[in-house]
Amino acid sequence: MSVTLVGPPHHRRAAAAGKRQHGFLAGLAAGWRGLRLAGSAVLTAVGAALPFAVVAAVFAGAAYAGRRRLRRLLRRGSRPTTAE
Protein backbone atom coordinates (compact mmCIF):
# COMPACT_ATOMS: atom_id res chain seq x y z
CA MET A 1 0.00 0.00 0.00
CA SER A 2 1.34 3.46 -0.83
CA VAL A 3 0.15 7.02 -0.34
CA THR A 4 0.98 9.94 -2.61
CA LEU A 5 0.45 13.47 -1.32
CA VAL A 6 -0.10 16.12 -3.96
CA GLY A 7 -0.31 19.84 -3.25
CA PRO A 8 -2.56 22.36 -4.99
CA PRO A 9 -1.91 22.79 -8.73
CA HIS A 10 -0.36 26.25 -8.46
CA HIS A 11 2.33 24.94 -6.08
CA ARG A 12 3.23 22.13 -8.47
CA ARG A 13 3.59 24.52 -11.37
CA ALA A 14 5.83 26.88 -9.39
CA ALA A 15 8.02 24.03 -8.18
CA ALA A 16 8.25 22.53 -11.66
CA ALA A 17 9.20 25.85 -13.24
CA GLY A 18 12.02 26.40 -10.74
CA LYS A 19 12.55 29.93 -12.02
CA ARG A 20 13.68 32.55 -9.58
CA GLN A 21 12.99 36.13 -10.47
CA HIS A 22 15.61 38.79 -9.94
CA GLY A 23 15.50 42.54 -10.13
CA PHE A 24 13.86 45.49 -8.47
CA LEU A 25 10.25 44.31 -8.78
CA ALA A 26 11.08 40.83 -7.50
CA GLY A 27 12.86 42.38 -4.51
CA LEU A 28 9.96 44.72 -3.91
CA ALA A 29 7.50 41.82 -4.00
CA ALA A 30 9.66 39.79 -1.61
CA GLY A 31 9.96 42.76 0.76
CA TRP A 32 6.21 43.32 0.70
CA ARG A 33 5.59 39.63 1.49
CA GLY A 34 8.09 39.86 4.36
CA LEU A 35 6.41 42.98 5.74
CA ARG A 36 3.00 41.30 5.58
CA LEU A 37 4.31 38.21 7.35
CA ALA A 38 6.03 40.29 10.05
CA GLY A 39 2.90 42.40 10.55
CA SER A 40 0.79 39.27 10.77
CA ALA A 41 3.14 37.80 13.38
CA VAL A 42 3.07 40.98 15.47
CA LEU A 43 -0.72 41.24 15.33
CA THR A 44 -1.03 37.57 16.24
CA ALA A 45 1.23 38.08 19.27
CA VAL A 46 -0.72 41.17 20.35
CA GLY A 47 -4.00 39.31 19.96
CA ALA A 48 -2.69 36.43 22.05
CA ALA A 49 -1.36 38.73 24.80
CA LEU A 50 -4.34 41.10 24.94
CA PRO A 51 -6.59 39.01 27.25
CA PHE A 52 -3.72 38.63 29.72
CA ALA A 53 -2.96 42.35 29.55
CA VAL A 54 -6.59 43.22 30.32
CA VAL A 55 -6.61 40.95 33.38
CA ALA A 56 -3.26 42.37 34.54
CA ALA A 57 -4.57 45.93 34.10
CA VAL A 58 -7.64 45.17 36.22
CA PHE A 59 -5.49 43.72 39.01
CA ALA A 60 -3.03 46.64 38.77
CA GLY A 61 -5.89 49.15 38.99
CA ALA A 62 -7.34 47.39 42.03
CA ALA A 63 -3.92 47.30 43.71
CA TYR A 64 -3.35 50.99 42.99
CA ALA A 65 -6.76 51.95 44.40
CA GLY A 66 -6.21 49.78 47.47
CA ARG A 67 -2.80 51.30 48.07
CA ARG A 68 -4.18 54.84 47.87
CA ARG A 69 -7.01 53.96 50.25
CA LEU A 70 -4.57 52.37 52.72
CA ARG A 71 -2.29 55.41 52.61
CA ARG A 72 -5.25 57.71 53.24
CA LEU A 73 -6.36 55.64 56.22
CA LEU A 74 -2.84 55.53 57.67
CA ARG A 75 -2.45 59.30 57.33
CA ARG A 76 -5.68 59.91 59.24
CA GLY A 77 -4.56 57.71 62.12
CA SER A 78 -1.10 59.27 62.47
CA ARG A 79 -2.19 62.90 62.97
CA PRO A 80 -0.93 64.38 66.21
CA THR A 81 -3.62 65.24 68.70
CA THR A 82 -3.76 68.75 70.08
CA ALA A 83 -3.77 69.24 73.81
CA GLU A 84 -6.54 71.48 75.01
PDB file of N, CA and C in Angstrom:
ATOM      1  N   MET A   1       0.858  -1.174   0.000  1.00  0.00           N
ATOM      2  CA  MET A   1       0.000   0.000   0.000  1.00  0.00           C
ATOM      3  C   MET A   1       0.900   1.232   0.000  1.00  0.00           C
ATOM      4  N   SER A   2       0.556   2.233  -0.786  1.00  0.00           N
ATOM      5  CA  SER A   2       1.342   3.461  -0.828  1.00  0.00           C
ATOM      6  C   SER A   2       0.406   4.661  -0.861  1.00  0.00           C
ATOM      7  N   VAL A   3       0.913   5.781  -0.379  1.00  0.00           N
ATOM      8  CA  VAL A   3       0.145   7.021  -0.341  1.00  0.00           C
ATOM      9  C   VAL A   3       0.954   8.093  -1.043  1.00  0.00           C
ATOM     10  N   THR A   4       0.326   8.835  -1.918  1.00  0.00           N
ATOM     11  CA  THR A   4       0.975   9.936  -2.612  1.00  0.00           C
ATOM     12  C   THR A   4       0.263  11.220  -2.238  1.00  0.00           C
ATOM     13  N   LEU A   5       1.010  12.168  -1.683  1.00  0.00           N
ATOM     14  CA  LEU A   5       0.448  13.474  -1.317  1.00  0.00           C
ATOM     15  C   LEU A   5       0.766  14.463  -2.421  1.00  0.00           C
ATOM     16  N   VAL A   6      -0.259  15.160  -2.875  1.00  0.00           N
ATOM     17  CA  VAL A   6      -0.096  16.116  -3.959  1.00  0.00           C
ATOM     18  C   VAL A   6      -0.652  17.447  -3.494  1.00  0.00           C
ATOM     19  N   GLY A   7       0.135  18.517  -3.638  1.00  0.00           N
ATOM     20  CA  GLY A   7      -0.310  19.844  -3.248  1.00  0.00           C
ATOM     21  C   GLY A   7      -1.232  20.444  -4.290  1.00  0.00           C
ATOM     22  N   PRO A   8      -1.706  21.672  -4.015  1.00  0.00           N
ATOM     23  CA  PRO A   8      -2.559  22.359  -4.990  1.00  0.00           C
ATOM     24  C   PRO A   8      -1.815  22.559  -6.317  1.00  0.00           C
ATOM     25  N   PRO A   9      -2.543  22.689  -7.403  1.00  0.00           N
ATOM     26  CA  PRO A   9      -1.915  22.790  -8.733  1.00  0.00           C
ATOM     27  C   PRO A   9      -0.948  23.959  -8.873  1.00  0.00           C
ATOM     28  N   HIS A  10      -1.255  25.104  -8.280  1.00  0.00           N
ATOM     29  CA  HIS A  10      -0.362  26.254  -8.464  1.00  0.00           C
ATOM     30  C   HIS A  10       0.989  26.024  -7.790  1.00  0.00           C
ATOM     31  N   HIS A  11       1.052  25.249  -6.723  1.00  0.00           N
ATOM     32  CA  HIS A  11       2.330  24.939  -6.080  1.00  0.00           C
ATOM     33  C   HIS A  11       3.163  24.007  -6.958  1.00  0.00           C
ATOM     34  N   ARG A  12       2.498  23.061  -7.610  1.00  0.00           N
ATOM     35  CA  ARG A  12       3.231  22.130  -8.468  1.00  0.00           C
ATOM     36  C   ARG A  12       3.819  22.850  -9.657  1.00  0.00           C
ATOM     37  N   ARG A  13       3.080  23.775 -10.217  1.00  0.00           N
ATOM     38  CA  ARG A  13       3.593  24.518 -11.372  1.00  0.00           C
ATOM     39  C   ARG A  13       4.791  25.367 -10.980  1.00  0.00           C
ATOM     40  N   ALA A  14       4.722  26.032  -9.823  1.00  0.00           N
ATOM     41  CA  ALA A  14       5.828  26.884  -9.386  1.00  0.00           C
ATOM     42  C   ALA A  14       7.065  26.055  -9.097  1.00  0.00           C
ATOM     43  N   ALA A  15       6.885  24.895  -8.491  1.00  0.00           N
ATOM     44  CA  ALA A  15       8.024  24.031  -8.185  1.00  0.00           C
ATOM     45  C   ALA A  15       8.609  23.444  -9.463  1.00  0.00           C
ATOM     46  N   ALA A  16       7.765  23.113 -10.408  1.00  0.00           N
ATOM     47  CA  ALA A  16       8.247  22.534 -11.660  1.00  0.00           C
ATOM     48  C   ALA A  16       8.998  23.573 -12.482  1.00  0.00           C
ATOM     49  N   ALA A  17       8.542  24.802 -12.456  1.00  0.00           N
ATOM     50  CA  ALA A  17       9.196  25.845 -13.244  1.00  0.00           C
ATOM     51  C   ALA A  17      10.590  26.108 -12.701  1.00  0.00           C
ATOM     52  N   GLY A  18      10.721  26.207 -11.358  1.00  0.00           N
ATOM     53  CA  GLY A  18      12.023  26.396 -10.740  1.00  0.00           C
ATOM     54  C   GLY A  18      12.683  27.719 -11.077  1.00  0.00           C
ATOM     55  N   LYS A  19      11.975  28.635 -11.664  1.00  0.00           N
ATOM     56  CA  LYS A  19      12.553  29.933 -12.021  1.00  0.00           C
ATOM     57  C   LYS A  19      12.530  30.868 -10.822  1.00  0.00           C
ATOM     58  N   ARG A  20      13.622  31.518 -10.621  1.00  0.00           N
ATOM     59  CA  ARG A  20      13.682  32.550  -9.584  1.00  0.00           C
ATOM     60  C   ARG A  20      13.786  33.891 -10.301  1.00  0.00           C
ATOM     61  N   GLN A  21      12.963  34.809  -9.852  1.00  0.00           N
ATOM     62  CA  GLN A  21      12.987  36.127 -10.465  1.00  0.00           C
ATOM     63  C   GLN A  21      13.995  37.001  -9.747  1.00  0.00           C
ATOM     64  N   HIS A  22      14.628  37.852 -10.482  1.00  0.00           N
ATOM     65  CA  HIS A  22      15.606  38.789  -9.936  1.00  0.00           C
ATOM     66  C   HIS A  22      15.225  40.189 -10.391  1.00  0.00           C
ATOM     67  N   GLY A  23      15.746  41.174  -9.719  1.00  0.00           N
ATOM     68  CA  GLY A  23      15.499  42.540 -10.126  1.00  0.00           C
ATOM     69  C   GLY A  23      14.736  43.318  -9.071  1.00  0.00           C
ATOM     70  N   PHE A  24      14.493  44.569  -9.408  1.00  0.00           N
ATOM     71  CA  PHE A  24      13.858  45.486  -8.468  1.00  0.00           C
ATOM     72  C   PHE A  24      12.458  45.033  -8.088  1.00  0.00           C
ATOM     73  N   LEU A  25      11.630  44.689  -9.074  1.00  0.00           N
ATOM     74  CA  LEU A  25      10.248  44.312  -8.777  1.00  0.00           C
ATOM     75  C   LEU A  25      10.171  43.012  -7.982  1.00  0.00           C
ATOM     76  N   ALA A  26      11.057  42.075  -8.273  1.00  0.00           N
ATOM     77  CA  ALA A  26      11.080  40.832  -7.501  1.00  0.00           C
ATOM     78  C   ALA A  26      11.484  41.121  -6.057  1.00  0.00           C
ATOM     79  N   GLY A  27      12.456  41.999  -5.867  1.00  0.00           N
ATOM     80  CA  GLY A  27      12.863  42.384  -4.513  1.00  0.00           C
ATOM     81  C   GLY A  27      11.763  43.125  -3.781  1.00  0.00           C
ATOM     82  N   LEU A  28      11.073  43.988  -4.512  1.00  0.00           N
ATOM     83  CA  LEU A  28       9.963  44.724  -3.914  1.00  0.00           C
ATOM     84  C   LEU A  28       8.848  43.769  -3.493  1.00  0.00           C
ATOM     85  N   ALA A  29       8.538  42.805  -4.338  1.00  0.00           N
ATOM     86  CA  ALA A  29       7.498  41.824  -4.003  1.00  0.00           C
ATOM     87  C   ALA A  29       7.920  40.988  -2.800  1.00  0.00           C
ATOM     88  N   ALA A  30       9.174  40.581  -2.745  1.00  0.00           N
ATOM     89  CA  ALA A  30       9.658  39.794  -1.608  1.00  0.00           C
ATOM     90  C   ALA A  30       9.629  40.617  -0.322  1.00  0.00           C
ATOM     91  N   GLY A  31      10.012  41.879  -0.414  1.00  0.00           N
ATOM     92  CA  GLY A  31       9.962  42.763   0.756  1.00  0.00           C
ATOM     93  C   GLY A  31       8.544  42.971   1.245  1.00  0.00           C
ATOM     94  N   TRP A  32       7.617  43.142   0.328  1.00  0.00           N
ATOM     95  CA  TRP A  32       6.211  43.324   0.696  1.00  0.00           C
ATOM     96  C   TRP A  32       5.672  42.074   1.386  1.00  0.00           C
ATOM     97  N   ARG A  33       6.011  40.872   0.849  1.00  0.00           N
ATOM     98  CA  ARG A  33       5.592  39.632   1.494  1.00  0.00           C
ATOM     99  C   ARG A  33       6.180  39.521   2.895  1.00  0.00           C
ATOM    100  N   GLY A  34       7.449  39.895   3.043  1.00  0.00           N
ATOM    101  CA  GLY A  34       8.085  39.859   4.356  1.00  0.00           C
ATOM    102  C   GLY A  34       7.430  40.809   5.340  1.00  0.00           C
ATOM    103  N   LEU A  35       7.084  42.004   4.880  1.00  0.00           N
ATOM    104  CA  LEU A  35       6.410  42.982   5.741  1.00  0.00           C
ATOM    105  C   LEU A  35       5.042  42.461   6.167  1.00  0.00           C
ATOM    106  N   ARG A  36       4.312  41.863   5.239  1.00  0.00           N
ATOM    107  CA  ARG A  36       2.997  41.301   5.578  1.00  0.00           C
ATOM    108  C   ARG A  36       3.122  40.176   6.591  1.00  0.00           C
ATOM    109  N   LEU A  37       4.119  39.313   6.401  1.00  0.00           N
ATOM    110  CA  LEU A  37       4.314  38.214   7.346  1.00  0.00           C
ATOM    111  C   LEU A  37       4.714  38.731   8.726  1.00  0.00           C
ATOM    112  N   ALA A  38       5.608  39.730   8.767  1.00  0.00           N
ATOM    113  CA  ALA A  38       6.028  40.293  10.053  1.00  0.00           C
ATOM    114  C   ALA A  38       4.853  40.988  10.742  1.00  0.00           C
ATOM    115  N   GLY A  39       4.072  41.738   9.983  1.00  0.00           N
ATOM    116  CA  GLY A  39       2.897  42.400  10.553  1.00  0.00           C
ATOM    117  C   GLY A  39       1.892  41.395  11.074  1.00  0.00           C
ATOM    118  N   SER A  40       1.705  40.328  10.332  1.00  0.00           N
ATOM    119  CA  SER A  40       0.792  39.275  10.767  1.00  0.00           C
ATOM    120  C   SER A  40       1.289  38.631  12.059  1.00  0.00           C
ATOM    121  N   ALA A  41       2.585  38.399  12.165  1.00  0.00           N
ATOM    122  CA  ALA A  41       3.142  37.798  13.375  1.00  0.00           C
ATOM    123  C   ALA A  41       2.975  38.728  14.574  1.00  0.00           C
ATOM    124  N   VAL A  42       3.213  40.016  14.375  1.00  0.00           N
ATOM    125  CA  VAL A  42       3.071  40.983  15.470  1.00  0.00           C
ATOM    126  C   VAL A  42       1.620  41.069  15.920  1.00  0.00           C
ATOM    127  N   LEU A  43       0.701  41.156  14.966  1.00  0.00           N
ATOM    128  CA  LEU A  43      -0.716  41.237  15.326  1.00  0.00           C
ATOM    129  C   LEU A  43      -1.205  39.960  16.002  1.00  0.00           C
ATOM    130  N   THR A  44      -0.677  38.819  15.589  1.00  0.00           N
ATOM    131  CA  THR A  44      -1.033  37.567  16.243  1.00  0.00           C
ATOM    132  C   THR A  44      -0.548  37.565  17.688  1.00  0.00           C
ATOM    133  N   ALA A  45       0.679  38.026  17.906  1.00  0.00           N
ATOM    134  CA  ALA A  45       1.228  38.080  19.267  1.00  0.00           C
ATOM    135  C   ALA A  45       0.428  39.052  20.138  1.00  0.00           C
ATOM    136  N   VAL A  46       0.068  40.201  19.595  1.00  0.00           N
ATOM    137  CA  VAL A  46      -0.724  41.174  20.354  1.00  0.00           C
ATOM    138  C   VAL A  46      -2.097  40.588  20.681  1.00  0.00           C
ATOM    139  N   GLY A  47      -2.701  39.925  19.721  1.00  0.00           N
ATOM    140  CA  GLY A  47      -4.001  39.308  19.963  1.00  0.00           C
ATOM    141  C   GLY A  47      -3.944  38.214  21.020  1.00  0.00           C
ATOM    142  N   ALA A  48      -2.835  37.484  21.046  1.00  0.00           N
ATOM    143  CA  ALA A  48      -2.694  36.428  22.052  1.00  0.00           C
ATOM    144  C   ALA A  48      -2.429  37.016  23.433  1.00  0.00           C
ATOM    145  N   ALA A  49      -1.712  38.127  23.513  1.00  0.00           N
ATOM    146  CA  ALA A  49      -1.359  38.727  24.800  1.00  0.00           C
ATOM    147  C   ALA A  49      -2.451  39.640  25.352  1.00  0.00           C
ATOM    148  N   LEU A  50      -3.343  40.116  24.520  1.00  0.00           N
ATOM    149  CA  LEU A  50      -4.344  41.095  24.941  1.00  0.00           C
ATOM    150  C   LEU A  50      -5.228  40.623  26.096  1.00  0.00           C
ATOM    151  N   PRO A  51      -5.757  39.422  26.097  1.00  0.00           N
ATOM    152  CA  PRO A  51      -6.586  39.013  27.248  1.00  0.00           C
ATOM    153  C   PRO A  51      -5.802  39.027  28.567  1.00  0.00           C
ATOM    154  N   PHE A  52      -4.540  38.616  28.518  1.00  0.00           N
ATOM    155  CA  PHE A  52      -3.716  38.627  29.724  1.00  0.00           C
ATOM    156  C   PHE A  52      -3.431  40.058  30.172  1.00  0.00           C
ATOM    157  N   ALA A  53      -3.223  40.956  29.219  1.00  0.00           N
ATOM    158  CA  ALA A  53      -2.961  42.354  29.550  1.00  0.00           C
ATOM    159  C   ALA A  53      -4.180  43.005  30.198  1.00  0.00           C
ATOM    160  N   VAL A  54      -5.366  42.665  29.738  1.00  0.00           N
ATOM    161  CA  VAL A  54      -6.589  43.223  30.322  1.00  0.00           C
ATOM    162  C   VAL A  54      -6.732  42.758  31.773  1.00  0.00           C
ATOM    163  N   VAL A  55      -6.515  41.477  32.006  1.00  0.00           N
ATOM    164  CA  VAL A  55      -6.612  40.951  33.375  1.00  0.00           C
ATOM    165  C   VAL A  55      -5.551  41.598  34.265  1.00  0.00           C
ATOM    166  N   ALA A  56      -4.335  41.736  33.761  1.00  0.00           N
ATOM    167  CA  ALA A  56      -3.261  42.369  34.537  1.00  0.00           C
ATOM    168  C   ALA A  56      -3.594  43.831  34.833  1.00  0.00           C
ATOM    169  N   ALA A  57      -4.202  44.529  33.879  1.00  0.00           N
ATOM    170  CA  ALA A  57      -4.572  45.933  34.099  1.00  0.00           C
ATOM    171  C   ALA A  57      -5.651  46.051  35.172  1.00  0.00           C
ATOM    172  N   VAL A  58      -6.596  45.138  35.192  1.00  0.00           N
ATOM    173  CA  VAL A  58      -7.645  45.167  36.216  1.00  0.00           C
ATOM    174  C   VAL A  58      -7.026  44.960  37.601  1.00  0.00           C
ATOM    175  N   PHE A  59      -6.138  43.966  37.726  1.00  0.00           N
ATOM    176  CA  PHE A  59      -5.486  43.719  39.005  1.00  0.00           C
ATOM    177  C   PHE A  59      -4.602  44.897  39.417  1.00  0.00           C
ATOM    178  N   ALA A  60      -3.891  45.496  38.467  1.00  0.00           N
ATOM    179  CA  ALA A  60      -3.032  46.643  38.771  1.00  0.00           C
ATOM    180  C   ALA A  60      -3.876  47.834  39.232  1.00  0.00           C
ATOM    181  N   GLY A  61      -5.011  48.065  38.586  1.00  0.00           N
ATOM    182  CA  GLY A  61      -5.894  49.154  38.994  1.00  0.00           C
ATOM    183  C   GLY A  61      -6.453  48.932  40.389  1.00  0.00           C
ATOM    184  N   ALA A  62      -6.825  47.694  40.693  1.00  0.00           N
ATOM    185  CA  ALA A  62      -7.336  47.388  42.030  1.00  0.00           C
ATOM    186  C   ALA A  62      -6.247  47.563  43.084  1.00  0.00           C
ATOM    187  N   ALA A  63      -5.032  47.141  42.766  1.00  0.00           N
ATOM    188  CA  ALA A  63      -3.920  47.295  43.711  1.00  0.00           C
ATOM    189  C   ALA A  63      -3.598  48.768  43.934  1.00  0.00           C
ATOM    190  N   TYR A  64      -3.628  49.549  42.874  1.00  0.00           N
ATOM    191  CA  TYR A  64      -3.348  50.986  42.991  1.00  0.00           C
ATOM    192  C   TYR A  64      -4.409  51.665  43.852  1.00  0.00           C
ATOM    193  N   ALA A  65      -5.680  51.349  43.617  1.00  0.00           N
ATOM    194  CA  ALA A  65      -6.758  51.952  44.403  1.00  0.00           C
ATOM    195  C   ALA A  65      -6.665  51.512  45.862  1.00  0.00           C
ATOM    196  N   GLY A  66      -6.360  50.255  46.101  1.00  0.00           N
ATOM    197  CA  GLY A  66      -6.213  49.777  47.472  1.00  0.00           C
ATOM    198  C   GLY A  66      -5.047  50.433  48.189  1.00  0.00           C
ATOM    199  N   ARG A  67      -3.965  50.646  47.477  1.00  0.00           N
ATOM    200  CA  ARG A  67      -2.797  51.304  48.071  1.00  0.00           C
ATOM    201  C   ARG A  67      -3.110  52.748  48.448  1.00  0.00           C
ATOM    202  N   ARG A  68      -3.809  53.449  47.563  1.00  0.00           N
ATOM    203  CA  ARG A  68      -4.180  54.839  47.870  1.00  0.00           C
ATOM    204  C   ARG A  68      -5.108  54.905  49.072  1.00  0.00           C
ATOM    205  N   ARG A  69      -6.071  53.978  49.115  1.00  0.00           N
ATOM    206  CA  ARG A  69      -7.007  53.964  50.245  1.00  0.00           C
ATOM    207  C   ARG A  69      -6.268  53.660  51.550  1.00  0.00           C
ATOM    208  N   LEU A  70      -5.340  52.719  51.529  1.00  0.00           N
ATOM    209  CA  LEU A  70      -4.573  52.366  52.716  1.00  0.00           C
ATOM    210  C   LEU A  70      -3.716  53.542  53.180  1.00  0.00           C
ATOM    211  N   ARG A  71      -3.091  54.227  52.246  1.00  0.00           N
ATOM    212  CA  ARG A  71      -2.285  55.408  52.614  1.00  0.00           C
ATOM    213  C   ARG A  71      -3.150  56.479  53.270  1.00  0.00           C
ATOM    214  N   ARG A  72      -4.345  56.696  52.706  1.00  0.00           N
ATOM    215  CA  ARG A  72      -5.246  57.707  53.243  1.00  0.00           C
ATOM    216  C   ARG A  72      -5.664  57.347  54.672  1.00  0.00           C
ATOM    217  N   LEU A  73      -5.957  56.074  54.885  1.00  0.00           N
ATOM    218  CA  LEU A  73      -6.357  55.637  56.224  1.00  0.00           C
ATOM    219  C   LEU A  73      -5.201  55.750  57.214  1.00  0.00           C
ATOM    220  N   LEU A  74      -4.000  55.443  56.780  1.00  0.00           N
ATOM    221  CA  LEU A  74      -2.844  55.530  57.670  1.00  0.00           C
ATOM    222  C   LEU A  74      -2.511  56.986  58.017  1.00  0.00           C
ATOM    223  N   ARG A  75      -2.708  57.884  57.064  1.00  0.00           N
ATOM    224  CA  ARG A  75      -2.454  59.304  57.332  1.00  0.00           C
ATOM    225  C   ARG A  75      -3.440  59.859  58.345  1.00  0.00           C
ATOM    226  N   ARG A  76      -4.674  59.444  58.281  1.00  0.00           N
ATOM    227  CA  ARG A  76      -5.684  59.913  59.236  1.00  0.00           C
ATOM    228  C   ARG A  76      -5.341  59.465  60.633  1.00  0.00           C
ATOM    229  N   GLY A  77      -4.855  58.260  60.806  1.00  0.00           N
ATOM    230  CA  GLY A  77      -4.560  57.714  62.119  1.00  0.00           C
ATOM    231  C   GLY A  77      -3.281  58.253  62.718  1.00  0.00           C
ATOM    232  N   SER A  78      -2.396  58.830  61.944  1.00  0.00           N
ATOM    233  CA  SER A  78      -1.097  59.269  62.470  1.00  0.00           C
ATOM    234  C   SER A  78      -1.044  60.777  62.765  1.00  0.00           C
ATOM    235  N   ARG A  79      -2.182  61.463  62.683  1.00  0.00           N
ATOM    236  CA  ARG A  79      -2.190  62.900  62.967  1.00  0.00           C
ATOM    237  C   ARG A  79      -1.957  63.132  64.459  1.00  0.00           C
ATOM    238  N   PRO A  80      -1.123  64.092  64.781  1.00  0.00           N
ATOM    239  CA  PRO A  80      -0.933  64.378  66.207  1.00  0.00           C
ATOM    240  C   PRO A  80      -2.181  65.016  66.816  1.00  0.00           C
ATOM    241  N   THR A  81      -2.470  64.661  68.010  1.00  0.00           N
ATOM    242  CA  THR A  81      -3.622  65.245  68.696  1.00  0.00           C
ATOM    243  C   THR A  81      -3.194  66.531  69.380  1.00  0.00           C
ATOM    244  N   THR A  82      -4.084  67.474  69.430  1.00  0.00           N
ATOM    245  CA  THR A  82      -3.759  68.751  70.077  1.00  0.00           C
ATOM    246  C   THR A  82      -4.227  68.722  71.519  1.00  0.00           C
ATOM    247  N   ALA A  83      -3.400  69.214  72.402  1.00  0.00           N
ATOM    248  CA  ALA A  83      -3.769  69.245  73.815  1.00  0.00           C
ATOM    249  C   ALA A  83      -4.599  70.495  74.060  1.00  0.00           C
ATOM    250  N   GLU A  84      -5.684  70.316  74.735  1.00  0.00           N
ATOM    251  CA  GLU A  84      -6.542  71.480  75.009  1.00  0.00           C
ATOM    252  C   GLU A  84      -6.417  71.931  76.426  1.00  0.00           C
TER     253      GLU A  84
END
